[in-house]
Every structure is written in C-alpha cells, then in structure tokens.
Amino acid sequence: MKATYIAVCTLLVVLLLAQVQVSTAVTCSPTQLSSCVSAITSSQPPSQLCCSKIKEQKPCLCQYVKNPNLKKFINTPNARKVASTCGTPFPKC
C-alpha cells in the first residue's frame, strides 16, 4: 500500500513538472496588437481582446519599443495607459 502511494505521488509530480515545462513560445508579431490601435490612438478604453493580446505579447514589447517604425506608437502616453489599464506594466527596456 505504501509503495503504491509513493508511486502515485511520484507519477503526479512527474506529470506536473512535464506540464510546467510545456509552454508555448510567443511569436512576436506587432500585428497581434492591431486590436489596440483605437485605444492607443484615441481615448477609448482597451477591449478585452486588446488586453489579452498585450499580455500575450508582453515578452515582445521591448523589441517593439526599440523598433524605430513602431516606437512612435508604442512609446506614447496612451500606449502606457492602455498597458496599465490591461494590468500589464509597461516594460523598462
């Protein structure tokens, strides 16, 4: 009985560790943030889709800020406000 309990616990730990290690890599694509354009360029609140995309693209935000073509859109007070409203702190790159 004790050996079965230990085997089951070991199996659960292995499965949990496997779940943690399996993560999907984010594909950095600024077009993923297209749902945020109206919120960034106006005073409209961000949509749920916008917020989910910002959270998804969070690892890519510094890359976008450093891109001269995107910097003028990403590094603005409205973009910072949208990120804050979505609960995603603006990155310190």
PDB file of N, CA and C in Angstrom:
ATOM      1  N   MET A   1       0.827  -1.192   0.000  1.00  0.00           N
ATOM      2  CA  MET A   1       0.000   0.000   0.000  1.00  0.00           C
ATOM      3  C   MET A   1       0.871   1.254   0.000  1.00  0.00           C
ATOM      4  N   LYS A   2       1.895   1.284   0.855  1.00  0.00           N
ATOM      5  CA  LYS A   2       2.779   2.451   0.942  1.00  0.00           C
ATOM      6  C   LYS A   2       3.541   2.641  -0.366  1.00  0.00           C
ATOM      7  N   ALA A   3       3.989   1.558  -0.990  1.00  0.00           N
ATOM      8  CA  ALA A   3       4.709   1.631  -2.258  1.00  0.00           C
ATOM      9  C   ALA A   3       3.806   2.185  -3.357  1.00  0.00           C
ATOM     10  N   THR A   4       2.533   1.814  -3.365  1.00  0.00           N
ATOM     11  CA  THR A   4       1.582   2.317  -4.347  1.00  0.00           C
ATOM     12  C   THR A   4       1.376   3.813  -4.162  1.00  0.00           C
ATOM     13  N   TYR A   5       1.257   4.248  -2.920  1.00  0.00           N
ATOM     14  CA  TYR A   5       1.092   5.659  -2.605  1.00  0.00           C
ATOM     15  C   TYR A   5       2.294   6.458  -3.104  1.00  0.00           C
ATOM     16  N   ILE A   6       3.483   5.976  -2.855  1.00  0.00           N
ATOM     17  CA  ILE A   6       4.704   6.651  -3.290  1.00  0.00           C
ATOM     18  C   ILE A   6       4.768   6.692  -4.812  1.00  0.00           C
ATOM     19  N   ALA A   7       4.393   5.595  -5.467  1.00  0.00           N
ATOM     20  CA  ALA A   7       4.409   5.537  -6.930  1.00  0.00           C
ATOM     21  C   ALA A   7       3.420   6.544  -7.522  1.00  0.00           C
ATOM     22  N   VAL A   8       2.237   6.634  -6.924  1.00  0.00           N
ATOM     23  CA  VAL A   8       1.226   7.575  -7.409  1.00  0.00           C
ATOM     24  C   VAL A   8       1.712   9.015  -7.209  1.00  0.00           C
ATOM     25  N   CYS A   9       2.271   9.314  -6.054  1.00  0.00           N
ATOM     26  CA  CYS A   9       2.789  10.661  -5.783  1.00  0.00           C
ATOM     27  C   CYS A   9       3.914  11.014  -6.746  1.00  0.00           C
ATOM     28  N   THR A  10       4.799  10.071  -6.995  1.00  0.00           N
ATOM     29  CA  THR A  10       5.902  10.295  -7.927  1.00  0.00           C
ATOM     30  C   THR A  10       5.367  10.566  -9.330  1.00  0.00           C
ATOM     31  N   LEU A  11       4.386   9.793  -9.748  1.00  0.00           N
ATOM     32  CA  LEU A  11       3.783   9.988 -11.057  1.00  0.00           C
ATOM     33  C   LEU A  11       3.143  11.367 -11.164  1.00  0.00           C
ATOM     34  N   LEU A  12       2.433  11.794 -10.137  1.00  0.00           N
ATOM     35  CA  LEU A  12       1.809  13.112 -10.148  1.00  0.00           C
ATOM     36  C   LEU A  12       2.849  14.226 -10.241  1.00  0.00           C
ATOM     37  N   VAL A  13       3.939  14.097  -9.504  1.00  0.00           N
ATOM     38  CA  VAL A  13       4.998  15.100  -9.563  1.00  0.00           C
ATOM     39  C   VAL A  13       5.595  15.165 -10.961  1.00  0.00           C
ATOM     40  N   VAL A  14       5.848  14.021 -11.552  1.00  0.00           N
ATOM     41  CA  VAL A  14       6.411  13.970 -12.912  1.00  0.00           C
ATOM     42  C   VAL A  14       5.458  14.620 -13.907  1.00  0.00           C
ATOM     43  N   LEU A  15       4.175  14.310 -13.789  1.00  0.00           N
ATOM     44  CA  LEU A  15       3.192  14.906 -14.702  1.00  0.00           C
ATOM     45  C   LEU A  15       3.099  16.418 -14.514  1.00  0.00           C
ATOM     46  N   LEU A  16       3.124  16.869 -13.277  1.00  0.00           N
ATOM     47  CA  LEU A  16       3.070  18.306 -13.023  1.00  0.00           C
ATOM     48  C   LEU A  16       4.298  19.011 -13.578  1.00  0.00           C
ATOM     49  N   LEU A  17       5.459  18.427 -13.399  1.00  0.00           N
ATOM     50  CA  LEU A  17       6.680  19.024 -13.938  1.00  0.00           C
ATOM     51  C   LEU A  17       6.646  19.054 -15.456  1.00  0.00           C
ATOM     52  N   ALA A  18       6.115  18.031 -16.067  1.00  0.00           N
ATOM     53  CA  ALA A  18       6.009  17.997 -17.527  1.00  0.00           C
ATOM     54  C   ALA A  18       5.080  19.102 -18.009  1.00  0.00           C
ATOM     55  N   GLN A  19       3.986  19.335 -17.290  1.00  0.00           N
ATOM     56  CA  GLN A  19       3.067  20.409 -17.643  1.00  0.00           C
ATOM     57  C   GLN A  19       3.741  21.766 -17.550  1.00  0.00           C
ATOM     58  N   VAL A  20       4.533  21.976 -16.528  1.00  0.00           N
ATOM     59  CA  VAL A  20       5.202  23.259 -16.335  1.00  0.00           C
ATOM     60  C   VAL A  20       6.195  23.518 -17.463  1.00  0.00           C
ATOM     61  N   GLN A  21       6.899  22.488 -17.899  1.00  0.00           N
ATOM     62  CA  GLN A  21       7.919  22.662 -18.912  1.00  0.00           C
ATOM     63  C   GLN A  21       7.331  22.844 -20.300  1.00  0.00           C
ATOM     64  N   VAL A  22       6.125  22.376 -20.526  1.00  0.00           N
ATOM     65  CA  VAL A  22       5.488  22.530 -21.824  1.00  0.00           C
ATOM     66  C   VAL A  22       4.835  23.902 -21.862  1.00  0.00           C
ATOM     67  N   SER A  23       5.490  24.825 -22.532  1.00  0.00           N
ATOM     68  CA  SER A  23       4.926  26.157 -22.670  1.00  0.00           C
ATOM     69  C   SER A  23       5.036  26.573 -24.126  1.00  0.00           C
ATOM     70  N   THR A  24       4.076  27.338 -24.554  1.00  0.00           N
ATOM     71  CA  THR A  24       4.099  27.772 -25.940  1.00  0.00           C
ATOM     72  C   THR A  24       4.932  29.030 -26.056  1.00  0.00           C
ATOM     73  N   ALA A  25       5.759  29.059 -27.042  1.00  0.00           N
ATOM     74  CA  ALA A  25       6.596  30.233 -27.279  1.00  0.00           C
ATOM     75  C   ALA A  25       5.744  31.311 -27.940  1.00  0.00           C
ATOM     76  N   VAL A  26       6.010  32.539 -27.568  1.00  0.00           N
ATOM     77  CA  VAL A  26       5.292  33.665 -28.143  1.00  0.00           C
ATOM     78  C   VAL A  26       5.946  34.029 -29.465  1.00  0.00           C
ATOM     79  N   THR A  27       5.144  34.179 -30.477  1.00  0.00           N
ATOM     80  CA  THR A  27       5.639  34.676 -31.749  1.00  0.00           C
ATOM     81  C   THR A  27       5.457  36.179 -31.745  1.00  0.00           C
ATOM     82  N   CYS A  28       6.566  36.898 -31.768  1.00  0.00           N
ATOM     83  CA  CYS A  28       6.497  38.357 -31.736  1.00  0.00           C
ATOM     84  C   CYS A  28       6.001  38.869 -33.080  1.00  0.00           C
ATOM     85  N   SER A  29       4.842  39.444 -33.059  1.00  0.00           N
ATOM     86  CA  SER A  29       4.231  39.991 -34.263  1.00  0.00           C
ATOM     87  C   SER A  29       3.424  41.218 -33.859  1.00  0.00           C
ATOM     88  N   PRO A  30       3.911  42.412 -34.203  1.00  0.00           N
ATOM     89  CA  PRO A  30       3.186  43.619 -33.804  1.00  0.00           C
ATOM     90  C   PRO A  30       1.770  43.677 -34.355  1.00  0.00           C
ATOM     91  N   THR A  31       1.477  42.948 -35.429  1.00  0.00           N
ATOM     92  CA  THR A  31       0.111  42.942 -35.950  1.00  0.00           C
ATOM     93  C   THR A  31      -0.856  42.306 -34.961  1.00  0.00           C
ATOM     94  N   GLN A  32      -0.327  41.518 -34.007  1.00  0.00           N
ATOM     95  CA  GLN A  32      -1.171  40.931 -32.970  1.00  0.00           C
ATOM     96  C   GLN A  32      -1.803  42.011 -32.095  1.00  0.00           C
ATOM     97  N   LEU A  33      -1.199  43.196 -32.092  1.00  0.00           N
ATOM     98  CA  LEU A  33      -1.714  44.294 -31.270  1.00  0.00           C
ATOM     99  C   LEU A  33      -2.661  45.207 -32.044  1.00  0.00           C
ATOM    100  N   SER A  34      -3.086  44.793 -33.224  1.00  0.00           N
ATOM    101  CA  SER A  34      -3.960  45.644 -34.041  1.00  0.00           C
ATOM    102  C   SER A  34      -5.274  45.961 -33.337  1.00  0.00           C
ATOM    103  N   SER A  35      -5.719  45.082 -32.456  1.00  0.00           N
ATOM    104  CA  SER A  35      -6.971  45.336 -31.721  1.00  0.00           C
ATOM    105  C   SER A  35      -6.807  46.478 -30.717  1.00  0.00           C
ATOM    106  N   CYS A  36      -5.572  46.932 -30.499  1.00  0.00           N
ATOM    107  CA  CYS A  36      -5.303  48.014 -29.542  1.00  0.00           C
ATOM    108  C   CYS A  36      -5.144  49.379 -30.215  1.00  0.00           C
ATOM    109  N   VAL A  37      -5.149  49.418 -31.528  1.00  0.00           N
ATOM    110  CA  VAL A  37      -4.866  50.669 -32.243  1.00  0.00           C
ATOM    111  C   VAL A  37      -5.828  51.770 -31.841  1.00  0.00           C
ATOM    112  N   SER A  38      -7.119  51.479 -31.802  1.00  0.00           N
ATOM    113  CA  SER A  38      -8.087  52.538 -31.475  1.00  0.00           C
ATOM    114  C   SER A  38      -7.903  53.031 -30.043  1.00  0.00           C
ATOM    115  N   ALA A  39      -7.547  52.167 -29.125  1.00  0.00           N
ATOM    116  CA  ALA A  39      -7.334  52.580 -27.736  1.00  0.00           C
ATOM    117  C   ALA A  39      -6.046  53.402 -27.610  1.00  0.00           C
ATOM    118  N   ILE A  40      -5.023  53.067 -28.395  1.00  0.00           N
ATOM    119  CA  ILE A  40      -3.748  53.783 -28.324  1.00  0.00           C
ATOM    120  C   ILE A  40      -3.840  55.136 -29.005  1.00  0.00           C
ATOM    121  N   THR A  41      -4.587  55.224 -30.100  1.00  0.00           N
ATOM    122  CA  THR A  41      -4.648  56.473 -30.868  1.00  0.00           C
ATOM    123  C   THR A  41      -5.779  57.399 -30.433  1.00  0.00           C
ATOM    124  N   SER A  42      -6.625  56.951 -29.521  1.00  0.00           N
ATOM    125  CA  SER A  42      -7.713  57.803 -29.026  1.00  0.00           C
ATOM    126  C   SER A  42      -7.847  57.589 -27.526  1.00  0.00           C
ATOM    127  N   SER A  43      -8.935  58.060 -26.980  1.00  0.00           N
ATOM    128  CA  SER A  43      -9.134  57.901 -25.543  1.00  0.00           C
ATOM    129  C   SER A  43     -10.090  56.750 -25.221  1.00  0.00           C
ATOM    130  N   GLN A  44     -10.345  55.881 -26.202  1.00  0.00           N
ATOM    131  CA  GLN A  44     -11.221  54.736 -25.965  1.00  0.00           C
ATOM    132  C   GLN A  44     -10.554  53.754 -25.013  1.00  0.00           C
ATOM    133  N   PRO A  45     -11.338  53.107 -24.168  1.00  0.00           N
ATOM    134  CA  PRO A  45     -10.751  52.074 -23.304  1.00  0.00           C
ATOM    135  C   PRO A  45     -10.386  50.856 -24.147  1.00  0.00           C
ATOM    136  N   PRO A  46      -9.371  50.120 -23.732  1.00  0.00           N
ATOM    137  CA  PRO A  46      -8.985  48.925 -24.495  1.00  0.00           C
ATOM    138  C   PRO A  46     -10.021  47.815 -24.354  1.00  0.00           C
ATOM    139  N   SER A  47     -10.166  47.060 -25.415  1.00  0.00           N
ATOM    140  CA  SER A  47     -11.091  45.921 -25.400  1.00  0.00           C
ATOM    141  C   SER A  47     -10.451  44.749 -24.665  1.00  0.00           C
ATOM    142  N   GLN A  48     -11.260  43.757 -24.365  1.00  0.00           N
ATOM    143  CA  GLN A  48     -10.736  42.538 -23.733  1.00  0.00           C
ATOM    144  C   GLN A  48      -9.737  41.850 -24.660  1.00  0.00           C
ATOM    145  N   LEU A  49     -10.016  41.870 -25.955  1.00  0.00           N
ATOM    146  CA  LEU A  49      -9.109  41.268 -26.925  1.00  0.00           C
ATOM    147  C   LEU A  49      -7.774  41.996 -26.913  1.00  0.00           C
ATOM    148  N   CYS A  50      -7.820  43.322 -26.879  1.00  0.00           N
ATOM    149  CA  CYS A  50      -6.599  44.122 -26.811  1.00  0.00           C
ATOM    150  C   CYS A  50      -5.790  43.732 -25.581  1.00  0.00           C
ATOM    151  N   CYS A  51      -6.426  43.687 -24.443  1.00  0.00           N
ATOM    152  CA  CYS A  51      -5.716  43.347 -23.198  1.00  0.00           C
ATOM    153  C   CYS A  51      -5.115  41.953 -23.251  1.00  0.00           C
ATOM    154  N   SER A  52      -5.856  41.001 -23.801  1.00  0.00           N
ATOM    155  CA  SER A  52      -5.303  39.646 -23.879  1.00  0.00           C
ATOM    156  C   SER A  52      -4.115  39.598 -24.831  1.00  0.00           C
ATOM    157  N   LYS A  53      -4.155  40.373 -25.899  1.00  0.00           N
ATOM    158  CA  LYS A  53      -3.039  40.401 -26.845  1.00  0.00           C
ATOM    159  C   LYS A  53      -1.824  41.099 -26.237  1.00  0.00           C
ATOM    160  N   ILE A  54      -2.040  42.156 -25.457  1.00  0.00           N
ATOM    161  CA  ILE A  54      -0.915  42.821 -24.794  1.00  0.00           C
ATOM    162  C   ILE A  54      -0.247  41.859 -23.821  1.00  0.00           C
ATOM    163  N   LYS A  55      -1.044  41.136 -23.065  1.00  0.00           N
ATOM    164  CA  LYS A  55      -0.478  40.168 -22.117  1.00  0.00           C
ATOM    165  C   LYS A  55       0.272  39.064 -22.862  1.00  0.00           C
ATOM    166  N   GLU A  56      -0.281  38.623 -23.963  1.00  0.00           N
ATOM    167  CA  GLU A  56       0.352  37.578 -24.770  1.00  0.00           C
ATOM    168  C   GLU A  56       1.669  38.077 -25.378  1.00  0.00           C
ATOM    169  N   GLN A  57       1.691  39.317 -25.816  1.00  0.00           N
ATOM    170  CA  GLN A  57       2.858  39.886 -26.491  1.00  0.00           C
ATOM    171  C   GLN A  57       3.830  40.569 -25.530  1.00  0.00           C
ATOM    172  N   LYS A  58       3.574  40.502 -24.231  1.00  0.00           N
ATOM    173  CA  LYS A  58       4.420  41.174 -23.236  1.00  0.00           C
ATOM    174  C   LYS A  58       5.911  40.892 -23.417  1.00  0.00           C
ATOM    175  N   PRO A  59       6.320  39.634 -23.686  1.00  0.00           N
ATOM    176  CA  PRO A  59       7.758  39.382 -23.872  1.00  0.00           C
ATOM    177  C   PRO A  59       8.347  40.116 -25.088  1.00  0.00           C
ATOM    178  N   CYS A  60       7.496  40.607 -25.967  1.00  0.00           N
ATOM    179  CA  CYS A  60       7.951  41.240 -27.205  1.00  0.00           C
ATOM    180  C   CYS A  60       7.958  42.766 -27.127  1.00  0.00           C
ATOM    181  N   LEU A  61       7.379  43.332 -26.084  1.00  0.00           N
ATOM    182  CA  LEU A  61       7.188  44.783 -26.044  1.00  0.00           C
ATOM    183  C   LEU A  61       8.484  45.568 -26.143  1.00  0.00           C
ATOM    184  N   CYS A  62       9.551  45.108 -25.490  1.00  0.00           N
ATOM    185  CA  CYS A  62      10.829  45.827 -25.591  1.00  0.00           C
ATOM    186  C   CYS A  62      11.340  45.824 -27.026  1.00  0.00           C
ATOM    187  N   GLN A  63      11.150  44.718 -27.690  1.00  0.00           N
ATOM    188  CA  GLN A  63      11.560  44.618 -29.098  1.00  0.00           C
ATOM    189  C   GLN A  63      10.795  45.653 -29.924  1.00  0.00           C
ATOM    190  N   TYR A  64       9.514  45.826 -29.642  1.00  0.00           N
ATOM    191  CA  TYR A  64       8.704  46.790 -30.376  1.00  0.00           C
ATOM    192  C   TYR A  64       9.131  48.223 -30.069  1.00  0.00           C
ATOM    193  N   VAL A  65       9.434  48.499 -28.812  1.00  0.00           N
ATOM    194  CA  VAL A  65       9.853  49.846 -28.408  1.00  0.00           C
ATOM    195  C   VAL A  65      11.164  50.223 -29.093  1.00  0.00           C
ATOM    196  N   LYS A  66      12.035  49.258 -29.295  1.00  0.00           N
ATOM    197  CA  LYS A  66      13.340  49.518 -29.913  1.00  0.00           C
ATOM    198  C   LYS A  66      13.262  49.622 -31.434  1.00  0.00           C
ATOM    199  N   ASN A  67      12.146  49.225 -32.012  1.00  0.00           N
ATOM    200  CA  ASN A  67      11.965  49.294 -33.461  1.00  0.00           C
ATOM    201  C   ASN A  67      11.568  50.726 -33.831  1.00  0.00           C
ATOM    202  N   PRO A  68      12.400  51.424 -34.642  1.00  0.00           N
ATOM    203  CA  PRO A  68      12.102  52.826 -34.978  1.00  0.00           C
ATOM    204  C   PRO A  68      10.739  53.021 -35.636  1.00  0.00           C
ATOM    205  N   ASN A  69      10.267  52.034 -36.381  1.00  0.00           N
ATOM    206  CA  ASN A  69       8.964  52.161 -37.042  1.00  0.00           C
ATOM    207  C   ASN A  69       7.795  52.013 -36.077  1.00  0.00           C
ATOM    208  N   LEU A  70       8.002  51.306 -34.979  1.00  0.00           N
ATOM    209  CA  LEU A  70       6.929  51.070 -34.020  1.00  0.00           C
ATOM    210  C   LEU A  70       7.017  51.967 -32.795  1.00  0.00           C
ATOM    211  N   LYS A  71       8.202  52.452 -32.521  1.00  0.00           N
ATOM    212  CA  LYS A  71       8.449  53.225 -31.298  1.00  0.00           C
ATOM    213  C   LYS A  71       7.481  54.388 -31.140  1.00  0.00           C
ATOM    214  N   LYS A  72       7.183  55.086 -32.234  1.00  0.00           N
ATOM    215  CA  LYS A  72       6.303  56.255 -32.147  1.00  0.00           C
ATOM    216  C   LYS A  72       4.878  55.897 -31.721  1.00  0.00           C
ATOM    217  N   PHE A  73       4.493  54.640 -31.896  1.00  0.00           N
ATOM    218  CA  PHE A  73       3.161  54.200 -31.463  1.00  0.00           C
ATOM    219  C   PHE A  73       3.200  53.564 -30.079  1.00  0.00           C
ATOM    220  N   ILE A  74       4.244  52.797 -29.829  1.00  0.00           N
ATOM    221  CA  ILE A  74       4.335  52.031 -28.581  1.00  0.00           C
ATOM    222  C   ILE A  74       4.756  52.901 -27.406  1.00  0.00           C
ATOM    223  N   ASN A  75       5.660  53.828 -27.642  1.00  0.00           N
ATOM    224  CA  ASN A  75       6.219  54.640 -26.559  1.00  0.00           C
ATOM    225  C   ASN A  75       5.465  55.962 -26.433  1.00  0.00           C
ATOM    226  N   THR A  76       4.162  55.881 -26.202  1.00  0.00           N
ATOM    227  CA  THR A  76       3.321  57.069 -26.056  1.00  0.00           C
ATOM    228  C   THR A  76       2.558  56.993 -24.736  1.00  0.00           C
ATOM    229  N   PRO A  77       2.102  58.141 -24.250  1.00  0.00           N
ATOM    230  CA  PRO A  77       1.306  58.115 -23.015  1.00  0.00           C
ATOM    231  C   PRO A  77       0.054  57.235 -23.133  1.00  0.00           C
ATOM    232  N   ASN A  78      -0.612  57.272 -24.279  1.00  0.00           N
ATOM    233  CA  ASN A  78      -1.813  56.440 -24.447  1.00  0.00           C
ATOM    234  C   ASN A  78      -1.476  54.956 -24.430  1.00  0.00           C
ATOM    235  N   ALA A  79      -0.370  54.574 -25.043  1.00  0.00           N
ATOM    236  CA  ALA A  79       0.031  53.157 -25.031  1.00  0.00           C
ATOM    237  C   ALA A  79       0.337  52.725 -23.602  1.00  0.00           C
ATOM    238  N   ARG A  80       0.987  53.595 -22.857  1.00  0.00           N
ATOM    239  CA  ARG A  80       1.278  53.285 -21.448  1.00  0.00           C
ATOM    240  C   ARG A  80      -0.022  53.157 -20.649  1.00  0.00           C
ATOM    241  N   LYS A  81      -0.979  54.020 -20.945  1.00  0.00           N
ATOM    242  CA  LYS A  81      -2.267  53.979 -20.254  1.00  0.00           C
ATOM    243  C   LYS A  81      -3.020  52.685 -20.589  1.00  0.00           C
ATOM    244  N   VAL A  82      -2.984  52.295 -21.856  1.00  0.00           N
ATOM    245  CA  VAL A  82      -3.650  51.061 -22.275  1.00  0.00           C
ATOM    246  C   VAL A  82      -3.013  49.869 -21.568  1.00  0.00           C
ATOM    247  N   ALA A  83      -1.689  49.820 -21.554  1.00  0.00           N
ATOM    248  CA  ALA A  83      -0.996  48.713 -20.879  1.00  0.00           C
ATOM    249  C   ALA A  83      -1.365  48.676 -19.398  1.00  0.00           C
ATOM    250  N   SER A  84      -1.388  49.841 -18.769  1.00  0.00           N
ATOM    251  CA  SER A  84      -1.724  49.924 -17.354  1.00  0.00           C
ATOM    252  C   SER A  84      -3.164  49.474 -17.108  1.00  0.00           C
ATOM    253  N   THR A  85      -4.080  49.933 -17.944  1.00  0.00           N
ATOM    254  CA  THR A  85      -5.480  49.550 -17.817  1.00  0.00           C
ATOM    255  C   THR A  85      -5.647  48.044 -17.963  1.00  0.00           C
ATOM    256  N   CYS A  86      -4.824  47.444 -18.809  1.00  0.00           N
ATOM    257  CA  CYS A  86      -4.885  45.994 -19.031  1.00  0.00           C
ATOM    258  C   CYS A  86      -4.147  45.208 -17.954  1.00  0.00           C
ATOM    259  N   GLY A  87      -3.493  45.918 -17.037  1.00  0.00           N
ATOM    260  CA  GLY A  87      -2.785  45.232 -15.962  1.00  0.00           C
ATOM    261  C   GLY A  87      -1.431  44.689 -16.375  1.00  0.00           C
ATOM    262  N   THR A  88      -0.874  45.238 -17.429  1.00  0.00           N
ATOM    263  CA  THR A  88       0.446  44.832 -17.911  1.00  0.00           C
ATOM    264  C   THR A  88       1.376  46.025 -17.768  1.00  0.00           C
ATOM    265  N   PRO A  89       2.305  45.983 -16.816  1.00  0.00           N
ATOM    266  CA  PRO A  89       3.202  47.114 -16.651  1.00  0.00           C
ATOM    267  C   PRO A  89       4.007  47.368 -17.914  1.00  0.00           C
ATOM    268  N   PHE A  90       4.194  48.631 -18.239  1.00  0.00           N
ATOM    269  CA  PHE A  90       4.982  48.988 -19.414  1.00  0.00           C
ATOM    270  C   PHE A  90       6.421  48.563 -19.159  1.00  0.00           C
ATOM    271  N   PRO A  91       7.048  47.933 -20.127  1.00  0.00           N
ATOM    272  CA  PRO A  91       8.393  47.404 -19.891  1.00  0.00           C
ATOM    273  C   PRO A  91       9.438  48.488 -19.714  1.00  0.00           C
ATOM    274  N   LYS A  92      10.437  48.184 -18.905  1.00  0.00           N
ATOM    275  CA  LYS A  92      11.603  49.054 -18.755  1.00  0.00           C
ATOM    276  C   LYS A  92      12.713  48.403 -19.558  1.00  0.00           C
ATOM    277  N   CYS A  93      12.926  48.920 -20.737  1.00  0.00           N
ATOM    278  CA  CYS A  93      13.887  48.297 -21.660  1.00  0.00           C
ATOM    279  C   CYS A  93      15.263  48.936 -21.540  1.00  0.00           C
TER     280      CYS A  93
END
